Amino acid sequence: MINYFVFKDEAKALGNGKYGICACILSGGLLDVVKCVYGISDNIVWLRALADKLNQQHVEPIHLCEIIEDELYIAKA
């Protein structure tokens, strides 16, 4: 089962301190990162709510980039 987590991506964001979302599978004590999107936002509250929504709706990781793009568009409108 895929679980989505918010993470701080200091290395990829080049010092911007932005946060991203990772799709992960936990199996046998090993965390396998399936897909990550870096530098999405610095609003951790909004990203946690998005990760919760992704987890509740059991979203497949292949759709992660498009969903984030849509959510960012809606947030700016």
Protein backbone atom coordinates (compact mmCIF):
# COMPACT_ATOMS: atom_id res chain seq x y z
CA MET A 1 0.00 0.00 0.00
CA ILE A 2 1.29 3.44 -0.95
CA ASN A 3 1.58 6.12 1.74
CA TYR A 4 2.34 9.77 1.08
CA PHE A 5 4.65 11.79 3.33
CA VAL A 6 5.71 15.42 3.42
CA PHE A 7 9.46 15.96 3.62
CA LYS A 8 11.82 18.92 3.84
CA ASP A 9 14.00 18.90 0.74
CA GLU A 10 16.80 21.30 1.63
CA ALA A 11 19.28 19.64 -0.71
CA LYS A 12 17.06 19.66 -3.81
CA ALA A 13 15.52 23.08 -3.14
CA LEU A 14 18.95 24.75 -3.11
CA GLY A 15 18.45 26.37 0.28
CA ASN A 16 14.86 27.51 -0.26
CA GLY A 17 13.67 25.24 2.57
CA LYS A 18 10.66 24.11 0.60
CA TYR A 19 8.80 20.91 1.22
CA GLY A 20 7.89 18.06 -1.10
CA ILE A 21 5.77 14.90 -1.08
CA CYS A 22 6.98 11.32 -1.44
CA ALA A 23 4.98 8.21 -2.27
CA CYS A 24 6.41 5.32 -0.25
CA ILE A 25 5.80 1.67 0.52
CA LEU A 26 6.71 0.24 3.93
CA SER A 27 7.36 -3.49 3.69
CA GLY A 28 9.28 -5.70 6.07
CA GLY A 29 10.73 -2.72 7.92
CA LEU A 30 12.11 -1.19 4.71
CA LEU A 31 10.82 2.14 3.41
CA ASP A 32 10.85 2.08 -0.40
CA VAL A 33 10.48 5.50 -2.03
CA VAL A 34 8.40 5.10 -5.19
CA LYS A 35 8.09 8.71 -6.36
CA CYS A 36 9.01 12.13 -4.98
CA VAL A 37 8.10 15.64 -6.02
CA TYR A 38 10.51 18.24 -4.68
CA GLY A 39 10.11 21.93 -3.87
CA ILE A 40 6.32 22.10 -4.01
CA SER A 41 5.63 24.69 -1.33
CA ASP A 42 6.82 26.18 1.92
CA ASN A 43 3.31 25.81 3.36
CA ILE A 44 3.68 22.62 5.37
CA VAL A 45 0.09 22.74 6.67
CA TRP A 46 -1.31 22.74 3.13
CA LEU A 47 1.07 19.94 2.07
CA ARG A 48 0.14 17.78 5.06
CA ALA A 49 -3.53 18.20 4.19
CA LEU A 50 -2.75 17.22 0.58
CA ALA A 51 -0.78 14.15 1.71
CA ASP A 52 -3.70 13.13 3.94
CA LYS A 53 -6.08 13.47 1.00
CA LEU A 54 -3.81 11.38 -1.22
CA ASN A 55 -3.62 8.69 1.47
CA GLN A 56 -7.39 8.66 2.04
CA GLN A 57 -8.12 8.35 -1.67
CA HIS A 58 -5.42 5.67 -2.26
CA VAL A 59 -3.95 7.60 -5.20
CA GLU A 60 -1.49 5.75 -7.43
CA PRO A 61 1.94 7.43 -7.59
CA ILE A 62 1.79 7.78 -11.37
CA HIS A 63 -0.81 10.54 -10.86
CA LEU A 64 1.15 12.47 -8.21
CA CYS A 65 2.65 15.17 -10.46
CA GLU A 66 -0.65 15.96 -12.17
CA ILE A 67 -2.54 16.13 -8.88
CA ILE A 68 0.04 18.48 -7.39
CA GLU A 69 -0.09 20.66 -10.50
CA ASP A 70 -3.89 20.82 -10.27
CA GLU A 71 -3.81 21.60 -6.52
CA LEU A 72 -1.29 24.39 -7.03
CA TYR A 73 -3.46 25.89 -9.77
CA ILE A 74 -6.54 25.76 -7.53
CA ALA A 75 -4.61 27.28 -4.60
CA LYS A 76 -3.52 30.24 -6.75
CA ALA A 77 -6.97 30.88 -8.23
